[in-house]
C-alpha atoms as a PDB file:
ATOM      1  CA  MET A   1      -1.137  13.581  22.132  1.00  0.00           C
ATOM      2  CA  SER A   2      -0.069  14.902  18.570  1.00  0.00           C
ATOM      3  CA  ASP A   3       3.543  15.301  20.025  1.00  0.00           C
ATOM      4  CA  LEU A   4       3.499  11.828  21.660  1.00  0.00           C
ATOM      5  CA  THR A   5       2.291  10.355  18.158  1.00  0.00           C
ATOM      6  CA  ARG A   6       5.222  12.187  16.230  1.00  0.00           C
ATOM      7  CA  SER A   7       7.924  10.866  18.937  1.00  0.00           C
ATOM      8  CA  PRO A   8      10.292   8.471  17.359  1.00  0.00           C
ATOM      9  CA  TRP A   9      10.691   6.713  20.671  1.00  0.00           C
ATOM     10  CA  LEU A  10       6.917   6.031  21.038  1.00  0.00           C
ATOM     11  CA  ARG A  11       7.048   4.717  17.399  1.00  0.00           C
ATOM     12  CA  ALA A  12      10.034   2.435  18.181  1.00  0.00           C
ATOM     13  CA  ALA A  13       8.496   1.322  21.535  1.00  0.00           C
ATOM     14  CA  LEU A  14       5.289   0.380  19.392  1.00  0.00           C
ATOM     15  CA  LEU A  15       7.034  -1.275  17.009  1.00  0.00           C
ATOM     16  CA  ILE A  16       9.109  -3.306  19.254  1.00  0.00           C
ATOM     17  CA  GLY A  17       6.043  -4.356  21.106  1.00  0.00           C
ATOM     18  CA  ALA A  18       4.396  -5.654  18.062  1.00  0.00           C
ATOM     19  CA  VAL A  19       7.366  -7.694  17.206  1.00  0.00           C
ATOM     20  CA  GLY A  20       7.555  -8.826  20.662  1.00  0.00           C
ATOM     21  CA  LEU A  21       3.948  -9.905  20.701  1.00  0.00           C
ATOM     22  CA  ALA A  22       4.190 -11.787  17.480  1.00  0.00           C
ATOM     23  CA  GLY A  23       7.275 -13.495  18.998  1.00  0.00           C
ATOM     24  CA  TYR A  24       5.525 -14.395  22.012  1.00  0.00           C
ATOM     25  CA  GLY A  25       2.900 -15.737  19.782  1.00  0.00           C
ATOM     26  CA  LEU A  26       5.374 -18.139  18.051  1.00  0.00           C
ATOM     27  CA  VAL A  27       6.583 -19.264  21.365  1.00  0.00           C
ATOM     28  CA  SER A  28       3.582 -19.927  23.260  1.00  0.00           C
ATOM     29  CA  GLN A  29       2.049 -21.945  20.128  1.00  0.00           C
ATOM     30  CA  TRP A  30       4.905 -23.291  18.736  1.00  0.00           C
ATOM     31  CA  PRO A  31       3.864 -26.865  18.160  1.00  0.00           C
ATOM     32  CA  GLN A  32       1.004 -25.719  16.483  1.00  0.00           C
ATOM     33  CA  VAL A  33       3.159 -23.136  14.523  1.00  0.00           C
ATOM     34  CA  HIS A  34       5.514 -25.879  13.637  1.00  0.00           C
ATOM     35  CA  ALA A  35       3.150 -28.101  12.472  1.00  0.00           C
ATOM     36  CA  ALA A  36       1.608 -25.344  10.081  1.00  0.00           C
ATOM     37  CA  LEU A  37       4.931 -24.471   8.745  1.00  0.00           C
ATOM     38  CA  ILE A  38       5.598 -27.729   7.745  1.00  0.00           C
ATOM     39  CA  GLN A  39       2.408 -27.775   5.527  1.00  0.00           C
ATOM     40  CA  LEU A  40       3.418 -24.946   3.567  1.00  0.00           C
ATOM     41  CA  ASP A  41       4.898 -25.955   0.564  1.00  0.00           C
ATOM     42  CA  GLY A  42       7.745 -24.039  -1.212  1.00  0.00           C
ATOM     43  CA  TRP A  43       5.874 -23.736  -4.405  1.00  0.00           C
ATOM     44  CA  ASP A  44       2.746 -22.067  -2.562  1.00  0.00           C
ATOM     45  CA  VAL A  45       5.396 -19.624  -1.149  1.00  0.00           C
ATOM     46  CA  ALA A  46       6.743 -18.881  -4.558  1.00  0.00           C
ATOM     47  CA  GLY A  47       3.488 -18.496  -5.925  1.00  0.00           C
ATOM     48  CA  ALA A  48       2.764 -15.894  -3.327  1.00  0.00           C
ATOM     49  CA  ALA A  49       5.939 -14.073  -3.662  1.00  0.00           C
ATOM     50  CA  LEU A  50       5.370 -13.780  -7.437  1.00  0.00           C
ATOM     51  CA  CYS A  51       1.845 -12.517  -7.102  1.00  0.00           C
ATOM     52  CA  ALA A  52       3.027 -10.015  -4.533  1.00  0.00           C
ATOM     53  CA  ILE A  53       5.710  -9.014  -6.762  1.00  0.00           C
ATOM     54  CA  ALA A  54       3.181  -8.492  -9.642  1.00  0.00           C
ATOM     55  CA  GLY A  55       0.639  -6.867  -7.565  1.00  0.00           C
ATOM     56  CA  LEU A  56       3.626  -4.393  -6.506  1.00  0.00           C
ATOM     57  CA  GLY A  57       4.086  -3.831 -10.266  1.00  0.00           C
ATOM     58  CA  CYS A  58       0.331  -2.993 -11.027  1.00  0.00           C
ATOM     59  CA  MET A  59       0.446  -0.229  -8.250  1.00  0.00           C
ATOM     60  CA  MET A  60       3.533   1.413  -9.764  1.00  0.00           C
ATOM     61  CA  LEU A  61       2.105   1.492 -12.763  1.00  0.00           C
ATOM     62  CA  ALA A  62      -1.428   3.034 -11.334  1.00  0.00           C
ATOM     63  CA  TRP A  63       0.976   5.661  -9.848  1.00  0.00           C
ATOM     64  CA  ARG A  64       2.603   6.341 -13.294  1.00  0.00           C
ATOM     65  CA  ALA A  65      -0.308   6.661 -14.994  1.00  0.00           C
ATOM     66  CA  LEU A  66      -1.664   9.301 -12.514  1.00  0.00           C
ATOM     67  CA  LEU A  67       1.676  11.153 -12.788  1.00  0.00           C
ATOM     68  CA  ALA A  68       1.467  11.113 -16.737  1.00  0.00           C
ATOM     69  CA  ASP A  69      -2.270  12.520 -16.780  1.00  0.00           C
ATOM     70  CA  LEU A  70      -0.724  15.190 -14.531  1.00  0.00           C
ATOM     71  CA  GLY A  71       1.805  16.041 -17.447  1.00  0.00           C
ATOM     72  CA  SER A  72       5.056  14.246 -16.501  1.00  0.00           C
ATOM     73  CA  ARG A  73       5.738  10.788 -18.358  1.00  0.00           C
ATOM     74  CA  LEU A  74       8.081   8.951 -16.669  1.00  0.00           C
ATOM     75  CA  ARG A  75       9.677   6.191 -18.861  1.00  0.00           C
ATOM     76  CA  LEU A  76       9.217   2.758 -17.109  1.00  0.00           C
ATOM     77  CA  PRO A  77      12.898   2.327 -15.975  1.00  0.00           C
ATOM     78  CA  ALA A  78      12.783   5.856 -14.331  1.00  0.00           C
ATOM     79  CA  ALA A  79       9.131   5.013 -12.724  1.00  0.00           C
ATOM     80  CA  ILE A  80      10.433   1.572 -11.173  1.00  0.00           C
ATOM     81  CA  ARG A  81      13.391   3.803  -9.539  1.00  0.00           C
ATOM     82  CA  VAL A  82      11.341   6.550  -8.044  1.00  0.00           C
ATOM     83  CA  MET A  83       8.582   4.215  -6.854  1.00  0.00           C
ATOM     84  CA  PHE A  84      10.283   1.431  -5.215  1.00  0.00           C
ATOM     85  CA  VAL A  85      13.712   3.007  -4.048  1.00  0.00           C
ATOM     86  CA  GLY A  86      11.762   5.894  -2.520  1.00  0.00           C
ATOM     87  CA  GLN A  87       8.880   3.311  -1.278  1.00  0.00           C
ATOM     88  CA  LEU A  88      11.500   1.864   1.234  1.00  0.00           C
ATOM     89  CA  GLY A  89      10.832   5.275   3.118  1.00  0.00           C
ATOM     90  CA  LYS A  90       7.321   3.356   4.811  1.00  0.00           C
ATOM     91  CA  TYR A  91       9.790   0.989   6.903  1.00  0.00           C
ATOM     92  CA  VAL A  92      11.412   4.015   8.607  1.00  0.00           C
ATOM     93  CA  PRO A  93       9.439   5.295  11.708  1.00  0.00           C
ATOM     94  CA  GLY A  94       7.189   8.177  10.625  1.00  0.00           C
ATOM     95  CA  ALA A  95       4.361   8.730   8.555  1.00  0.00           C
ATOM     96  CA  VAL A  96       5.700  10.703   5.332  1.00  0.00           C
ATOM     97  CA  TRP A  97       9.304   9.344   4.486  1.00  0.00           C
ATOM     98  CA  ALA A  98       7.909   7.204   1.376  1.00  0.00           C
ATOM     99  CA  VAL A  99       6.356  10.393  -0.319  1.00  0.00           C
ATOM    100  CA  ALA A 100       9.222  12.471   0.644  1.00  0.00           C
ATOM    101  CA  ALA A 101      11.840  10.188  -0.947  1.00  0.00           C
ATOM    102  CA  GLN A 102       9.740   9.665  -4.064  1.00  0.00           C
ATOM    103  CA  VAL A 103       9.407  13.563  -4.451  1.00  0.00           C
ATOM    104  CA  GLU A 104      13.117  13.979  -4.328  1.00  0.00           C
ATOM    105  CA  LEU A 105      13.707  11.068  -6.383  1.00  0.00           C
ATOM    106  CA  ALA A 106      11.334  12.296  -9.129  1.00  0.00           C
ATOM    107  CA  ARG A 107      13.287  15.606  -9.248  1.00  0.00           C
ATOM    108  CA  ASP A 108      16.132  13.882 -11.012  1.00  0.00           C
ATOM    109  CA  TYR A 109      13.407  13.399 -13.960  1.00  0.00           C
ATOM    110  CA  ALA A 110      12.297  17.194 -14.052  1.00  0.00           C
ATOM    111  CA  VAL A 111       9.158  16.176 -12.362  1.00  0.00           C
ATOM    112  CA  PRO A 112       8.078  19.345 -10.154  1.00  0.00           C
ATOM    113  CA  ARG A 113       7.456  18.542  -6.402  1.00  0.00           C
ATOM    114  CA  ARG A 114       4.062  19.215  -6.179  1.00  0.00           C
ATOM    115  CA  ARG A 115       3.157  17.111  -9.102  1.00  0.00           C
ATOM    116  CA  SER A 116       4.918  13.935  -8.018  1.00  0.00           C
ATOM    117  CA  ALA A 117       3.583  14.528  -4.558  1.00  0.00           C
ATOM    118  CA  THR A 118      -0.058  14.818  -5.921  1.00  0.00           C
ATOM    119  CA  ALA A 119       0.471  11.583  -7.658  1.00  0.00           C
ATOM    120  CA  SER A 120       1.527   9.795  -4.811  1.00  0.00           C
ATOM    121  CA  LEU A 121      -0.854  11.054  -2.570  1.00  0.00           C
ATOM    122  CA  VAL A 122      -3.870  10.244  -4.942  1.00  0.00           C
ATOM    123  CA  SER A 123      -2.165   6.890  -5.735  1.00  0.00           C
ATOM    124  CA  MET A 124      -2.367   5.931  -2.073  1.00  0.00           C
ATOM    125  CA  ALA A 125      -6.036   7.177  -1.732  1.00  0.00           C
ATOM    126  CA  VAL A 126      -6.947   5.063  -4.511  1.00  0.00           C
ATOM    127  CA  THR A 127      -5.120   1.854  -3.353  1.00  0.00           C
ATOM    128  CA  LEU A 128      -7.041   2.465  -0.040  1.00  0.00           C
ATOM    129  CA  VAL A 129     -10.343   3.045  -1.405  1.00  0.00           C
ATOM    130  CA  VAL A 130     -10.059   0.097  -4.244  1.00  0.00           C
ATOM    131  CA  GLY A 131      -8.960  -1.997  -1.046  1.00  0.00           C
ATOM    132  CA  LEU A 132     -11.971  -1.024   0.935  1.00  0.00           C
ATOM    133  CA  VAL A 133     -14.353  -1.834  -1.850  1.00  0.00           C
ATOM    134  CA  ALA A 134     -12.927  -5.362  -2.242  1.00  0.00           C
ATOM    135  CA  ALA A 135     -13.126  -5.804   1.396  1.00  0.00           C
ATOM    136  CA  GLY A 136     -16.644  -4.634   1.701  1.00  0.00           C
ATOM    137  CA  VAL A 137     -17.701  -6.919  -1.528  1.00  0.00           C
ATOM    138  CA  THR A 138     -16.176 -10.021  -0.727  1.00  0.00           C
ATOM    139  CA  LEU A 139     -15.908 -10.518   3.014  1.00  0.00           C
ATOM    140  CA  PRO A 140     -19.980 -10.474   3.572  1.00  0.00           C
ATOM    141  CA  LEU A 141     -20.025 -13.069   0.942  1.00  0.00           C
ATOM    142  CA  VAL A 142     -17.882 -15.477   2.469  1.00  0.00           C
ATOM    143  CA  SER A 143     -18.084 -14.984   6.266  1.00  0.00           C
ATOM    144  CA  ALA A 144     -20.586 -14.349   8.479  1.00  0.00           C
ATOM    145  CA  HIS A 145     -18.352 -13.497  10.881  1.00  0.00           C
ATOM    146  CA  ALA A 146     -16.694 -11.060   9.116  1.00  0.00           C
ATOM    147  CA  VAL A 147     -20.283  -9.568   8.437  1.00  0.00           C
ATOM    148  CA  ARG A 148     -21.076  -9.099  12.146  1.00  0.00           C
ATOM    149  CA  GLN A 149     -17.215  -7.785  12.902  1.00  0.00           C
ATOM    150  CA  TYR A 150     -16.723  -5.691  10.084  1.00  0.00           C
ATOM    151  CA  TRP A 151     -19.973  -4.457   9.018  1.00  0.00           C
ATOM    152  CA  TRP A 152     -19.112  -0.978   8.814  1.00  0.00           C
ATOM    153  CA  VAL A 153     -16.543  -1.962   5.922  1.00  0.00           C
ATOM    154  CA  LEU A 154     -19.636  -2.418   3.779  1.00  0.00           C
ATOM    155  CA  ALA A 155     -21.855   0.462   5.056  1.00  0.00           C
ATOM    156  CA  VAL A 156     -18.954   2.864   3.846  1.00  0.00           C
ATOM    157  CA  THR A 157     -18.577   1.080   0.659  1.00  0.00           C
ATOM    158  CA  PRO A 158     -20.781   3.380  -1.565  1.00  0.00           C
ATOM    159  CA  LEU A 159     -19.360   6.342  -0.060  1.00  0.00           C
ATOM    160  CA  VAL A 160     -15.759   5.648  -0.543  1.00  0.00           C
ATOM    161  CA  VAL A 161     -16.811   4.628  -4.289  1.00  0.00           C
ATOM    162  CA  VAL A 162     -18.132   8.397  -4.537  1.00  0.00           C
ATOM    163  CA  CYS A 163     -14.699   9.431  -3.344  1.00  0.00           C
ATOM    164  CA  LEU A 164     -13.021   7.910  -6.653  1.00  0.00           C
ATOM    165  CA  TYR A 165     -14.662  10.854  -8.529  1.00  0.00           C
ATOM    166  CA  PRO A 166     -11.405  13.109  -9.362  1.00  0.00           C
ATOM    167  CA  PRO A 167     -13.083  16.385  -8.206  1.00  0.00           C
ATOM    168  CA  VAL A 168     -14.110  14.617  -4.950  1.00  0.00           C
ATOM    169  CA  ILE A 169     -10.624  12.919  -4.048  1.00  0.00           C
ATOM    170  CA  LYS A 170      -9.146  16.310  -4.904  1.00  0.00           C
ATOM    171  CA  PHE A 171     -11.553  18.102  -2.445  1.00  0.00           C
ATOM    172  CA  GLY A 172     -10.919  15.879   0.093  1.00  0.00           C
ATOM    173  CA  LEU A 173      -6.892  15.647   0.002  1.00  0.00           C
ATOM    174  CA  ASP A 174      -7.046  19.462  -0.227  1.00  0.00           C
ATOM    175  CA  ARG A 175      -8.966  19.792   3.074  1.00  0.00           C
ATOM    176  CA  VAL A 176      -6.522  17.329   4.514  1.00  0.00           C
ATOM    177  CA  LEU A 177      -3.498  19.317   3.519  1.00  0.00           C
ATOM    178  CA  ARG A 178      -4.911  22.460   4.428  1.00  0.00           C
ATOM    179  CA  VAL A 179      -5.097  21.259   8.255  1.00  0.00           C
ATOM    180  CA  LEU A 180      -1.603  20.104   8.010  1.00  0.00           C
ATOM    181  CA  ARG A 181      -0.782  23.714   6.778  1.00  0.00           C
ATOM    182  CA  ARG A 182       0.442  22.375   3.515  1.00  0.00           C
ATOM    183  CA  ALA A 183      -0.052  23.632  -0.109  1.00  0.00           C
ATOM    184  CA  PRO A 184      -3.049  22.200  -1.833  1.00  0.00           C
ATOM    185  CA  LEU A 185      -2.568  19.456  -4.573  1.00  0.00           C
ATOM    186  CA  GLU A 186      -1.254  20.794  -7.934  1.00  0.00           C
ATOM    187  CA  GLY A 187      -4.440  19.983  -9.721  1.00  0.00           C
ATOM    188  CA  SER A 188      -7.190  17.460 -10.247  1.00  0.00           C
ATOM    189  CA  VAL A 189      -6.501  13.887 -12.311  1.00  0.00           C
ATOM    190  CA  GLY A 190      -8.668  13.692 -15.301  1.00  0.00           C
ATOM    191  CA  ARG A 191     -11.170  11.129 -15.850  1.00  0.00           C
ATOM    192  CA  GLY A 192      -8.922   9.126 -18.365  1.00  0.00           C
ATOM    193  CA  GLY A 193      -5.913   9.233 -15.921  1.00  0.00           C
ATOM    194  CA  MET A 194      -8.066   8.260 -12.915  1.00  0.00           C
ATOM    195  CA  ALA A 195      -9.728   5.291 -15.012  1.00  0.00           C
ATOM    196  CA  ARG A 196      -6.277   3.772 -16.085  1.00  0.00           C
ATOM    197  CA  ALA A 197      -5.063   4.114 -12.456  1.00  0.00           C
ATOM    198  CA  LEU A 198      -8.244   2.165 -11.342  1.00  0.00           C
ATOM    199  CA  GLY A 199      -7.585  -0.450 -13.816  1.00  0.00           C
ATOM    200  CA  TRP A 200      -4.302  -0.994 -12.641  1.00  0.00           C
ATOM    201  CA  THR A 201      -4.936  -0.743  -8.777  1.00  0.00           C
ATOM    202  CA  THR A 202      -7.779  -3.464  -9.240  1.00  0.00           C
ATOM    203  CA  LEU A 203      -5.459  -5.665 -11.010  1.00  0.00           C
ATOM    204  CA  GLY A 204      -3.020  -5.112  -8.219  1.00  0.00           C
ATOM    205  CA  TRP A 205      -5.468  -6.055  -5.703  1.00  0.00           C
ATOM    206  CA  LEU A 206      -6.419  -9.165  -7.324  1.00  0.00           C
ATOM    207  CA  CYS A 207      -2.573 -10.193  -7.326  1.00  0.00           C
ATOM    208  CA  TYR A 208      -2.394  -9.167  -3.809  1.00  0.00           C
ATOM    209  CA  GLY A 209      -5.635 -11.274  -3.228  1.00  0.00           C
ATOM    210  CA  ALA A 210      -3.852 -14.361  -5.160  1.00  0.00           C
ATOM    211  CA  HIS A 211      -0.618 -13.980  -2.828  1.00  0.00           C
ATOM    212  CA  ALA A 212      -2.714 -14.417   0.127  1.00  0.00           C
ATOM    213  CA  TRP A 213      -4.721 -17.394  -1.479  1.00  0.00           C
ATOM    214  CA  PHE A 214      -1.501 -19.554  -2.289  1.00  0.00           C
ATOM    215  CA  LEU A 215      -0.991 -19.247   1.572  1.00  0.00           C
ATOM    216  CA  ILE A 216      -4.681 -19.345   3.107  1.00  0.00           C
ATOM    217  CA  SER A 217      -5.376 -22.154   0.486  1.00  0.00           C
ATOM    218  CA  VAL A 218      -2.890 -24.508   2.471  1.00  0.00           C
ATOM    219  CA  PHE A 219      -5.307 -24.662   5.500  1.00  0.00           C
ATOM    220  CA  ALA A 220      -8.754 -23.640   4.019  1.00  0.00           C
ATOM    221  CA  GLY A 221      -8.551 -25.532   0.738  1.00  0.00           C
ATOM    222  CA  LYS A 222      -8.323 -24.277  -2.936  1.00  0.00           C
ATOM    223  CA  SER A 223     -11.619 -22.978  -4.271  1.00  0.00           C
ATOM    224  CA  GLY A 224     -13.065 -19.905  -5.445  1.00  0.00           C
ATOM    225  CA  HIS A 225     -14.601 -19.153  -1.968  1.00  0.00           C
ATOM    226  CA  THR A 226     -11.326 -19.220  -0.504  1.00  0.00           C
ATOM    227  CA  PHE A 227      -9.903 -16.634  -3.108  1.00  0.00           C
ATOM    228  CA  ALA A 228     -12.607 -14.024  -2.181  1.00  0.00           C
ATOM    229  CA  LEU A 229     -12.214 -14.750   1.442  1.00  0.00           C
ATOM    230  CA  SER A 230      -8.067 -14.289   0.942  1.00  0.00           C
ATOM    231  CA  LEU A 231      -8.659 -11.058  -1.204  1.00  0.00           C
ATOM    232  CA  GLY A 232     -11.176  -9.663   1.245  1.00  0.00           C
ATOM    233  CA  ALA A 233      -9.092 -10.787   4.586  1.00  0.00           C
ATOM    234  CA  TYR A 234      -5.881  -9.189   2.797  1.00  0.00           C
ATOM    235  CA  ALA A 235      -7.651  -6.043   1.638  1.00  0.00           C
ATOM    236  CA  LEU A 236      -8.999  -5.165   5.082  1.00  0.00           C
ATOM    237  CA  ALA A 237      -5.930  -6.085   6.832  1.00  0.00           C
ATOM    238  CA  TRP A 238      -3.819  -3.768   4.667  1.00  0.00           C
ATOM    239  CA  ALA A 239      -6.292  -0.968   5.172  1.00  0.00           C
ATOM    240  CA  VAL A 240      -5.893  -1.202   8.937  1.00  0.00           C
ATOM    241  CA  GLY A 241      -2.299  -1.348   8.593  1.00  0.00           C
ATOM    242  CA  PHE A 242      -2.375   1.656   6.461  1.00  0.00           C
ATOM    243  CA  LEU A 243      -4.736   3.817   8.473  1.00  0.00           C
ATOM    244  CA  ILE A 244      -2.713   3.191  11.954  1.00  0.00           C
ATOM    245  CA  ILE A 245       0.352   5.318  10.806  1.00  0.00           C
ATOM    246  CA  PHE A 246       2.238   5.107  13.911  1.00  0.00           C
ATOM    247  CA  PHE A 247       3.823   1.624  12.803  1.00  0.00           C
ATOM    248  CA  PRO A 248       6.168   1.724   9.991  1.00  0.00           C
ATOM    249  CA  GLY A 249       4.781  -0.345   7.215  1.00  0.00           C
ATOM    250  CA  GLY A 250       1.597  -1.280   9.115  1.00  0.00           C
ATOM    251  CA  ILE A 251       3.851  -3.687  10.707  1.00  0.00           C
ATOM    252  CA  GLY A 252       1.798  -5.149  13.455  1.00  0.00           C
ATOM    253  CA  PRO A 253      -1.721  -3.913  12.889  1.00  0.00           C
ATOM    254  CA  ARG A 254      -1.933  -5.627   9.335  1.00  0.00           C
ATOM    255  CA  GLU A 255      -1.012  -9.161  11.302  1.00  0.00           C
ATOM    256  CA  VAL A 256      -3.460  -8.733  13.820  1.00  0.00           C
ATOM    257  CA  ALA A 257      -6.188  -7.947  11.650  1.00  0.00           C
ATOM    258  CA  LEU A 258      -5.352 -10.731   9.113  1.00  0.00           C
ATOM    259  CA  ILE A 259      -5.190 -13.045  12.138  1.00  0.00           C
ATOM    260  CA  ALA A 260      -8.889 -11.771  13.441  1.00  0.00           C
ATOM    261  CA  VAL A 261     -10.315 -12.301   9.820  1.00  0.00           C
ATOM    262  CA  LEU A 262      -8.945 -15.643   9.485  1.00  0.00           C
ATOM    263  CA  ALA A 263      -9.637 -16.858  12.908  1.00  0.00           C
ATOM    264  CA  PRO A 264     -13.131 -18.425  12.159  1.00  0.00           C
ATOM    265  CA  VAL A 265     -11.817 -20.419   9.248  1.00  0.00           C
ATOM    266  CA  MET A 266      -8.143 -21.701  10.863  1.00  0.00           C
ATOM    267  CA  PRO A 267      -6.564 -22.449  13.922  1.00  0.00           C
ATOM    268  CA  SER A 268      -4.924 -19.444  15.285  1.00  0.00           C
ATOM    269  CA  ALA A 269      -1.380 -21.033  14.821  1.00  0.00           C
ATOM    270  CA  SER A 270      -2.235 -21.358  11.269  1.00  0.00           C
ATOM    271  CA  ALA A 271      -3.440 -17.829  10.944  1.00  0.00           C
ATOM    272  CA  LEU A 272      -0.353 -16.600  12.500  1.00  0.00           C
ATOM    273  CA  VAL A 273       1.918 -18.312   9.964  1.00  0.00           C
ATOM    274  CA  VAL A 274      -0.186 -17.109   7.094  1.00  0.00           C
ATOM    275  CA  ALA A 275       0.283 -13.349   8.336  1.00  0.00           C
ATOM    276  CA  LEU A 276       3.852 -13.516   9.098  1.00  0.00           C
ATOM    277  CA  VAL A 277       4.618 -15.540   5.824  1.00  0.00           C
ATOM    278  CA  SER A 278       2.812 -13.162   4.307  1.00  0.00           C
ATOM    279  CA  ARG A 279       4.627 -10.070   5.741  1.00  0.00           C
ATOM    280  CA  VAL A 280       7.711 -11.703   4.677  1.00  0.00           C
ATOM    281  CA  VAL A 281       6.823 -12.111   1.064  1.00  0.00           C
ATOM    282  CA  MET A 282       5.540  -8.622   0.717  1.00  0.00           C
ATOM    283  CA  THR A 283       8.796  -7.506   2.169  1.00  0.00           C
ATOM    284  CA  VAL A 284      10.691  -9.500  -0.365  1.00  0.00           C
ATOM    285  CA  GLY A 285       8.596  -8.037  -3.055  1.00  0.00           C
ATOM    286  CA  ASP A 286       9.648  -4.411  -2.001  1.00  0.00           C
ATOM    287  CA  LEU A 287      13.028  -5.401  -1.857  1.00  0.00           C
ATOM    288  CA  ALA A 288      13.185  -7.147  -5.401  1.00  0.00           C
ATOM    289  CA  TRP A 289      11.638  -4.041  -6.769  1.00  0.00           C
ATOM    290  CA  ALA A 290      14.032  -1.715  -4.843  1.00  0.00           C
ATOM    291  CA  GLY A 291      16.902  -3.755  -5.875  1.00  0.00           C
ATOM    292  CA  ALA A 292      15.698  -3.272  -9.425  1.00  0.00           C
ATOM    293  CA  GLY A 293      15.173   0.348  -9.223  1.00  0.00           C
ATOM    294  CA  LEU A 294      18.983   0.569  -7.637  1.00  0.00           C
ATOM    295  CA  ALA A 295      20.589  -1.487 -10.439  1.00  0.00           C
ATOM    296  CA  ILE A 296      18.764   1.167 -12.973  1.00  0.00           C
ATOM    297  CA  ALA A 297      20.476   4.058 -11.066  1.00  0.00           C
ATOM    298  CA  ARG A 298      23.854   2.463 -11.606  1.00  0.00           C
ATOM    299  CA  GLY A 299      22.971   1.574 -15.138  1.00  0.00           C
ATOM    300  CA  GLY A 300      22.158   5.097 -16.100  1.00  0.00           C
ATOM    301  CA  ARG A 301      18.784   7.151 -15.173  1.00  0.00           C
ATOM    302  CA  GLY A 302      16.154   6.726 -17.724  1.00  0.00           C
ATOM    303  CA  ALA A 303      14.809  10.536 -18.056  1.00  0.00           C
ATOM    304  CA  SER A 304      11.294  11.544 -18.671  1.00  0.00           C
ATOM    305  CA  ARG A 305       9.888  11.133 -22.042  1.00  0.00           C
ATOM    306  CA  PRO A 306       9.947  14.527 -23.806  1.00  0.00           C
ATOM    307  CA  ALA A 307       6.838  16.561 -23.331  1.00  0.00           C
ATOM    308  CA  GLY A 308       4.447  16.571 -26.178  1.00  0.00           C
ATOM    309  CA  PRO A 309       1.675  19.171 -26.798  1.00  0.00           C
ATOM    310  CA  GLY A 310      -0.727  17.161 -24.447  1.00  0.00           C
ATOM    311  CA  ASP A 311       2.239  17.148 -21.684  1.00  0.00           C
ATOM    312  CA  SER A 312       2.927  20.646 -21.488  1.00  0.00           C
ATOM    313  CA  ARG A 313       1.095  21.423 -18.396  1.00  0.00           C
ATOM    314  CA  PRO A 314       3.718  23.294 -16.036  1.00  0.00           C
ATOM    315  CA  SER A 315       3.332  23.141 -12.233  1.00  0.00           C
ATOM    316  CA  PRO A 316       1.291  26.357 -11.633  1.00  0.00           C
ATOM    317  CA  ASP A 317       3.340  26.882  -8.372  1.00  0.00           C
ATOM    318  CA  PRO A 318       7.198  25.564  -8.008  1.00  0.00           C
ATOM    319  CA  GLY A 319       6.706  27.154  -4.520  1.00  0.00           C
ATOM    320  CA  PRO A 320       7.061  24.853  -1.069  1.00  0.00           C
ATOM    321  CA  PRO A 321       6.709  21.431  -1.610  1.00  0.00           C
ATOM    322  CA  LEU A 322       4.144  19.404  -0.166  1.00  0.00           C
ATOM    323  CA  VAL A 323       6.363  17.229   1.610  1.00  0.00           C
ATOM    324  CA  SER A 324       9.355  18.551   3.386  1.00  0.00           C
ATOM    325  CA  ARG A 325      12.849  17.163   3.462  1.00  0.00           C
ATOM    326  CA  ARG A 326      12.697  16.366   7.152  1.00  0.00           C
ATOM    327  CA  GLY A 327       8.931  15.139   6.649  1.00  0.00           C
ATOM    328  CA  ALA A 328       7.924  16.214   9.976  1.00  0.00           C
ATOM    329  CA  ASP A 329       4.502  17.227   9.461  1.00  0.00           C
ATOM    330  CA  GLY A 330       3.392  15.814   6.097  1.00  0.00           C
ATOM    331  CA  PRO A 331       0.776  13.575   5.052  1.00  0.00           C
ATOM    332  CA  PRO A 332       0.849   9.886   5.560  1.00  0.00           C
ATOM    333  CA  ALA A 333       2.932   7.847   3.281  1.00  0.00           C
ATOM    334  CA  GLY A 334       2.233   4.793   1.306  1.00  0.00           C
ATOM    335  CA  ARG A 335       2.018   1.324   2.895  1.00  0.00           C
END
């Protein structure tokens, strides 16, 4: 089974199947879908796009804070280039290309491979945990259907909160890396670095919730209740797409989960439109930031800040990277 899940042909087939099902849904419900598309205002889509771009920027700043805590302080232009140009790898079938690309791009700024891989893996874990907490807190408050269908999210919320404690998150990731026969993380993130990363990640999730709210509120009304539903629904859908690693960028599972959560509050055709427009908006955000990163690369690379007294932690082991260039068996990439 593991050989099958690593097969690029299987992943391509799954992706084609997901796109095909989405296309079938559009065609089979086209009158309703067309009516829902007409209701979407250009300002709502623009607001969703701006919130998505802001959310992605916050997630980059969380990753940058973790990397700085580990000993490599990148200037903002360099962080944008490494994070967002590398993150385009998540759209390639396979589970590790985004992390592999970020690790290699970070080497241009004298960041040791294990250090940049550690920051990327911890950043993804923090994003997932905060997203699950957001879903576990908001969905039960706004949707009885969500409580019945996704009670397990609320049940595991206390456990995932504990996982944010730096020694715990390092222990868990080291166990995963041991199973994958990879070197352990370079070191544990300090409490200050984790606190800064949590702050940026929380702000990023609020922006993601706002992007979903701009789209969902067209059909469910503009209110605080709708914002809570939007944040919880998108956080749960994102987590599902992240965890099902066979689909590049979570394409397919994220949209199915979002439609399922929104089904009780709007027609299925409207939920389908929200899911597809959300995907387009988030992709535009990825491409906008990646374009900025490529422009930075053409204009000259911003180097790492000179290491100060508190930034002189060398990589304890310059040996084999956590993520190989081929990325055949590495850890899952960010989504």
